[in-house]
């Protein structure tokens, strides 16, 4: 089975690694990809938008 690094272009992998490094809690590559994809799919209307409780953002 291919590794995540084999599935991404070098540019996307570098951007993903910068994204992970900038997070307070660093995630694994699969966890980061899953979160980014869920955010994008929610924004496009394919997944329900998770609403934060009042006062959180």
PDB file of N, CA and C in Angstrom:
ATOM      1  N   UNK A   1       0.851  -1.191   0.000  1.00  0.00           N
ATOM      2  CA  UNK A   1       0.000   0.000   0.000  1.00  0.00           C
ATOM      3  C   UNK A   1       0.891   1.247   0.000  1.00  0.00           C
ATOM      4  N   UNK A   2       0.568   2.208  -0.856  1.00  0.00           N
ATOM      5  CA  UNK A   2       1.403   3.412  -0.921  1.00  0.00           C
ATOM      6  C   UNK A   2       1.320   4.239   0.367  1.00  0.00           C
ATOM      7  N   UNK A   3       2.377   4.943   0.633  1.00  0.00           N
ATOM      8  CA  UNK A   3       2.428   5.874   1.761  1.00  0.00           C
ATOM      9  C   UNK A   3       1.750   7.179   1.337  1.00  0.00           C
ATOM     10  N   UNK A   4       1.310   7.979   2.304  1.00  0.00           N
ATOM     11  CA  UNK A   4       0.703   9.281   1.998  1.00  0.00           C
ATOM     12  C   UNK A   4       1.641  10.117   1.152  1.00  0.00           C
ATOM     13  N   UNK A   5       2.920  10.054   1.457  1.00  0.00           N
ATOM     14  CA  UNK A   5       3.901  10.868   0.727  1.00  0.00           C
ATOM     15  C   UNK A   5       3.937  10.516  -0.755  1.00  0.00           C
ATOM     16  N   UNK A   6       3.586   9.273  -1.078  1.00  0.00           N
ATOM     17  CA  UNK A   6       3.591   8.841  -2.473  1.00  0.00           C
ATOM     18  C   UNK A   6       2.347   9.308  -3.226  1.00  0.00           C
ATOM     19  N   UNK A   7       1.296   9.686  -2.503  1.00  0.00           N
ATOM     20  CA  UNK A   7       0.026  10.055  -3.119  1.00  0.00           C
ATOM     21  C   UNK A   7      -0.098  11.548  -3.388  1.00  0.00           C
ATOM     22  N   UNK A   8       0.775  12.346  -2.811  1.00  0.00           N
ATOM     23  CA  UNK A   8       0.698  13.803  -2.929  1.00  0.00           C
ATOM     24  C   UNK A   8       1.799  14.335  -3.824  1.00  0.00           C
ATOM     25  N   UNK A   9       1.508  15.430  -4.504  1.00  0.00           N
ATOM     26  CA  UNK A   9       2.562  16.084  -5.277  1.00  0.00           C
ATOM     27  C   UNK A   9       3.559  16.685  -4.284  1.00  0.00           C
ATOM     28  N   UNK A  10       4.785  16.907  -4.698  1.00  0.00           N
ATOM     29  CA  UNK A  10       5.762  17.508  -3.786  1.00  0.00           C
ATOM     30  C   UNK A  10       5.290  18.856  -3.220  1.00  0.00           C
ATOM     31  N   UNK A  11       4.614  19.649  -4.046  1.00  0.00           N
ATOM     32  CA  UNK A  11       4.127  20.953  -3.593  1.00  0.00           C
ATOM     33  C   UNK A  11       3.052  20.798  -2.516  1.00  0.00           C
ATOM     34  N   UNK A  12       2.112  19.883  -2.742  1.00  0.00           N
ATOM     35  CA  UNK A  12       1.054  19.657  -1.757  1.00  0.00           C
ATOM     36  C   UNK A  12       1.613  19.058  -0.474  1.00  0.00           C
ATOM     37  N   UNK A  13       2.564  18.158  -0.586  1.00  0.00           N
ATOM     38  CA  UNK A  13       3.171  17.565   0.597  1.00  0.00           C
ATOM     39  C   UNK A  13       3.898  18.622   1.420  1.00  0.00           C
ATOM     40  N   UNK A  14       4.644  19.506   0.757  1.00  0.00           N
ATOM     41  CA  UNK A  14       5.357  20.569   1.469  1.00  0.00           C
ATOM     42  C   UNK A  14       4.368  21.500   2.176  1.00  0.00           C
ATOM     43  N   UNK A  15       3.283  21.850   1.487  1.00  0.00           N
ATOM     44  CA  UNK A  15       2.266  22.711   2.100  1.00  0.00           C
ATOM     45  C   UNK A  15       1.610  22.009   3.281  1.00  0.00           C
ATOM     46  N   UNK A  16       1.336  20.726   3.145  1.00  0.00           N
ATOM     47  CA  UNK A  16       0.733  19.962   4.233  1.00  0.00           C
ATOM     48  C   UNK A  16       1.673  19.904   5.432  1.00  0.00           C
ATOM     49  N   UNK A  17       2.937  19.690   5.195  1.00  0.00           N
ATOM     50  CA  UNK A  17       3.908  19.658   6.290  1.00  0.00           C
ATOM     51  C   UNK A  17       4.006  21.018   6.979  1.00  0.00           C
ATOM     52  N   UNK A  18       3.920  22.117   6.215  1.00  0.00           N
ATOM     53  CA  UNK A  18       3.912  23.458   6.831  1.00  0.00           C
ATOM     54  C   UNK A  18       2.650  23.658   7.659  1.00  0.00           C
ATOM     55  N   UNK A  19       1.515  23.193   7.143  1.00  0.00           N
ATOM     56  CA  UNK A  19       0.253  23.294   7.866  1.00  0.00           C
ATOM     57  C   UNK A  19       0.350  22.543   9.197  1.00  0.00           C
ATOM     58  N   UNK A  20       0.840  21.310   9.169  1.00  0.00           N
ATOM     59  CA  UNK A  20       0.964  20.507  10.387  1.00  0.00           C
ATOM     60  C   UNK A  20       1.900  21.185  11.376  1.00  0.00           C
ATOM     61  N   UNK A  21       3.018  21.712  10.895  1.00  0.00           N
ATOM     62  CA  UNK A  21       3.990  22.360  11.777  1.00  0.00           C
ATOM     63  C   UNK A  21       3.414  23.601  12.445  1.00  0.00           C
ATOM     64  N   UNK A  22       2.470  24.263  11.805  1.00  0.00           N
ATOM     65  CA  UNK A  22       1.900  25.498  12.345  1.00  0.00           C
ATOM     66  C   UNK A  22       0.812  25.245  13.389  1.00  0.00           C
ATOM     67  N   UNK A  23       0.354  24.007  13.505  1.00  0.00           N
ATOM     68  CA  UNK A  23      -0.714  23.687  14.449  1.00  0.00           C
ATOM     69  C   UNK A  23      -0.157  23.544  15.859  1.00  0.00           C
ATOM     70  N   UNK A  24      -0.961  23.934  16.856  1.00  0.00           N
ATOM     71  CA  UNK A  24      -0.544  23.781  18.248  1.00  0.00           C
ATOM     72  C   UNK A  24      -0.322  22.309  18.581  1.00  0.00           C
ATOM     73  N   UNK A  25      -1.276  21.472  18.204  1.00  0.00           N
ATOM     74  CA  UNK A  25      -1.138  20.034  18.402  1.00  0.00           C
ATOM     75  C   UNK A  25      -0.850  19.404  17.059  1.00  0.00           C
ATOM     76  N   UNK A  26       0.359  18.948  16.875  1.00  0.00           N
ATOM     77  CA  UNK A  26       0.727  18.387  15.573  1.00  0.00           C
ATOM     78  C   UNK A  26       0.057  17.050  15.357  1.00  0.00           C
ATOM     79  N   UNK A  27      -0.542  16.910  14.198  1.00  0.00           N
ATOM     80  CA  UNK A  27      -1.249  15.691  13.829  1.00  0.00           C
ATOM     81  C   UNK A  27      -0.387  14.854  12.895  1.00  0.00           C
ATOM     82  N   UNK A  28      -0.787  13.619  12.716  1.00  0.00           N
ATOM     83  CA  UNK A  28      -0.158  12.784  11.698  1.00  0.00           C
ATOM     84  C   UNK A  28      -0.635  13.281  10.332  1.00  0.00           C
ATOM     85  N   UNK A  29       0.063  12.884   9.294  1.00  0.00           N
ATOM     86  CA  UNK A  29      -0.342  13.278   7.946  1.00  0.00           C
ATOM     87  C   UNK A  29      -1.757  12.783   7.640  1.00  0.00           C
ATOM     88  N   UNK A  30      -2.101  11.508   7.905  1.00  0.00           N
ATOM     89  CA  UNK A  30      -3.478  11.074   7.617  1.00  0.00           C
ATOM     90  C   UNK A  30      -4.531  11.851   8.410  1.00  0.00           C
ATOM     91  N   UNK A  31      -4.262  12.148   9.678  1.00  0.00           N
ATOM     92  CA  UNK A  31      -5.226  12.905  10.479  1.00  0.00           C
ATOM     93  C   UNK A  31      -5.390  14.320   9.933  1.00  0.00           C
ATOM     94  N   UNK A  32      -4.298  14.952   9.526  1.00  0.00           N
ATOM     95  CA  UNK A  32      -4.365  16.307   8.968  1.00  0.00           C
ATOM     96  C   UNK A  32      -5.141  16.300   7.653  1.00  0.00           C
ATOM     97  N   UNK A  33      -4.875  15.336   6.788  1.00  0.00           N
ATOM     98  CA  UNK A  33      -5.581  15.243   5.507  1.00  0.00           C
ATOM     99  C   UNK A  33      -7.074  15.024   5.758  1.00  0.00           C
ATOM    100  N   UNK A  34      -7.409  14.163   6.709  1.00  0.00           N
ATOM    101  CA  UNK A  34      -8.806  13.895   7.022  1.00  0.00           C
ATOM    102  C   UNK A  34      -9.499  15.166   7.516  1.00  0.00           C
ATOM    103  N   UNK A  35      -8.853  15.930   8.382  1.00  0.00           N
ATOM    104  CA  UNK A  35      -9.432  17.173   8.884  1.00  0.00           C
ATOM    105  C   UNK A  35      -9.607  18.216   7.804  1.00  0.00           C
ATOM    106  N   UNK A  36      -8.599  18.363   6.964  1.00  0.00           N
ATOM    107  CA  UNK A  36      -8.669  19.334   5.868  1.00  0.00           C
ATOM    108  C   UNK A  36      -9.784  18.945   4.898  1.00  0.00           C
ATOM    109  N   UNK A  37      -9.870  17.665   4.566  1.00  0.00           N
ATOM    110  CA  UNK A  37     -10.905  17.193   3.649  1.00  0.00           C
ATOM    111  C   UNK A  37     -12.293  17.390   4.249  1.00  0.00           C
ATOM    112  N   UNK A  38     -12.459  17.095   5.539  1.00  0.00           N
ATOM    113  CA  UNK A  38     -13.754  17.286   6.197  1.00  0.00           C
ATOM    114  C   UNK A  38     -14.148  18.764   6.174  1.00  0.00           C
ATOM    115  N   UNK A  39     -13.185  19.660   6.430  1.00  0.00           N
ATOM    116  CA  UNK A  39     -13.473  21.099   6.364  1.00  0.00           C
ATOM    117  C   UNK A  39     -13.925  21.497   4.963  1.00  0.00           C
ATOM    118  N   UNK A  40     -13.219  21.025   3.961  1.00  0.00           N
ATOM    119  CA  UNK A  40     -13.552  21.385   2.583  1.00  0.00           C
ATOM    120  C   UNK A  40     -14.918  20.816   2.195  1.00  0.00           C
ATOM    121  N   UNK A  41     -15.150  19.542   2.517  1.00  0.00           N
ATOM    122  CA  UNK A  41     -16.428  18.926   2.175  1.00  0.00           C
ATOM    123  C   UNK A  41     -17.585  19.606   2.886  1.00  0.00           C
ATOM    124  N   UNK A  42     -17.379  20.031   4.122  1.00  0.00           N
ATOM    125  CA  UNK A  42     -18.419  20.777   4.843  1.00  0.00           C
ATOM    126  C   UNK A  42     -18.686  22.107   4.156  1.00  0.00           C
ATOM    127  N   UNK A  43     -17.629  22.789   3.750  1.00  0.00           N
ATOM    128  CA  UNK A  43     -17.773  24.072   3.077  1.00  0.00           C
ATOM    129  C   UNK A  43     -18.484  23.967   1.738  1.00  0.00           C
ATOM    130  N   UNK A  44     -18.370  22.808   1.101  1.00  0.00           N
ATOM    131  CA  UNK A  44     -19.025  22.582  -0.190  1.00  0.00           C
ATOM    132  C   UNK A  44     -20.433  22.013  -0.036  1.00  0.00           C
ATOM    133  N   UNK A  45     -20.834  21.717   1.204  1.00  0.00           N
ATOM    134  CA  UNK A  45     -22.174  21.204   1.449  1.00  0.00           C
ATOM    135  C   UNK A  45     -22.311  19.692   1.370  1.00  0.00           C
ATOM    136  N   UNK A  46     -21.205  18.969   1.266  1.00  0.00           N
ATOM    137  CA  UNK A  46     -21.271  17.515   1.172  1.00  0.00           C
ATOM    138  C   UNK A  46     -21.292  16.838   2.539  1.00  0.00           C
ATOM    139  N   UNK A  47     -20.869  17.531   3.562  1.00  0.00           N
ATOM    140  CA  UNK A  47     -20.932  17.056   4.937  1.00  0.00           C
ATOM    141  C   UNK A  47     -21.651  18.115   5.758  1.00  0.00           C
ATOM    142  N   UNK A  48     -22.366  17.692   6.801  1.00  0.00           N
ATOM    143  CA  UNK A  48     -22.994  18.702   7.652  1.00  0.00           C
ATOM    144  C   UNK A  48     -21.929  19.550   8.338  1.00  0.00           C
ATOM    145  N   UNK A  49     -22.218  20.822   8.494  1.00  0.00           N
ATOM    146  CA  UNK A  49     -21.290  21.740   9.160  1.00  0.00           C
ATOM    147  C   UNK A  49     -21.408  21.518  10.657  1.00  0.00           C
ATOM    148  N   UNK A  50     -20.262  21.285  11.299  1.00  0.00           N
ATOM    149  CA  UNK A  50     -20.261  21.131  12.751  1.00  0.00           C
ATOM    150  C   UNK A  50     -20.287  22.509  13.378  1.00  0.00           C
ATOM    151  N   UNK A  51     -21.306  22.758  14.166  1.00  0.00           N
ATOM    152  CA  UNK A  51     -21.431  24.057  14.813  1.00  0.00           C
ATOM    153  C   UNK A  51     -20.772  24.007  16.171  1.00  0.00           C
ATOM    154  N   UNK A  52     -20.019  25.066  16.484  1.00  0.00           N
ATOM    155  CA  UNK A  52     -19.380  25.173  17.790  1.00  0.00           C
ATOM    156  C   UNK A  52     -20.393  25.648  18.823  1.00  0.00           C
ATOM    157  N   UNK A  53     -20.278  25.164  20.043  1.00  0.00           N
ATOM    158  CA  UNK A  53     -21.149  25.698  21.096  1.00  0.00           C
ATOM    159  C   UNK A  53     -20.957  27.202  21.231  1.00  0.00           C
ATOM    160  N   UNK A  54     -21.991  27.899  21.679  1.00  0.00           N
ATOM    161  CA  UNK A  54     -21.934  29.345  21.808  1.00  0.00           C
ATOM    162  C   UNK A  54     -20.744  29.771  22.657  1.00  0.00           C
ATOM    163  N   UNK A  55     -20.038  30.788  22.200  1.00  0.00           N
ATOM    164  CA  UNK A  55     -18.885  31.304  22.934  1.00  0.00           C
ATOM    165  C   UNK A  55     -17.571  30.665  22.540  1.00  0.00           C
ATOM    166  N   UNK A  56     -17.585  29.649  21.701  1.00  0.00           N
ATOM    167  CA  UNK A  56     -16.348  29.018  21.239  1.00  0.00           C
ATOM    168  C   UNK A  56     -16.125  29.363  19.776  1.00  0.00           C
ATOM    169  N   UNK A  57     -14.870  29.604  19.426  1.00  0.00           N
ATOM    170  CA  UNK A  57     -14.513  29.810  18.016  1.00  0.00           C
ATOM    171  C   UNK A  57     -13.064  29.633  17.788  1.00  0.00           C
TER     172      UNK A  57
END
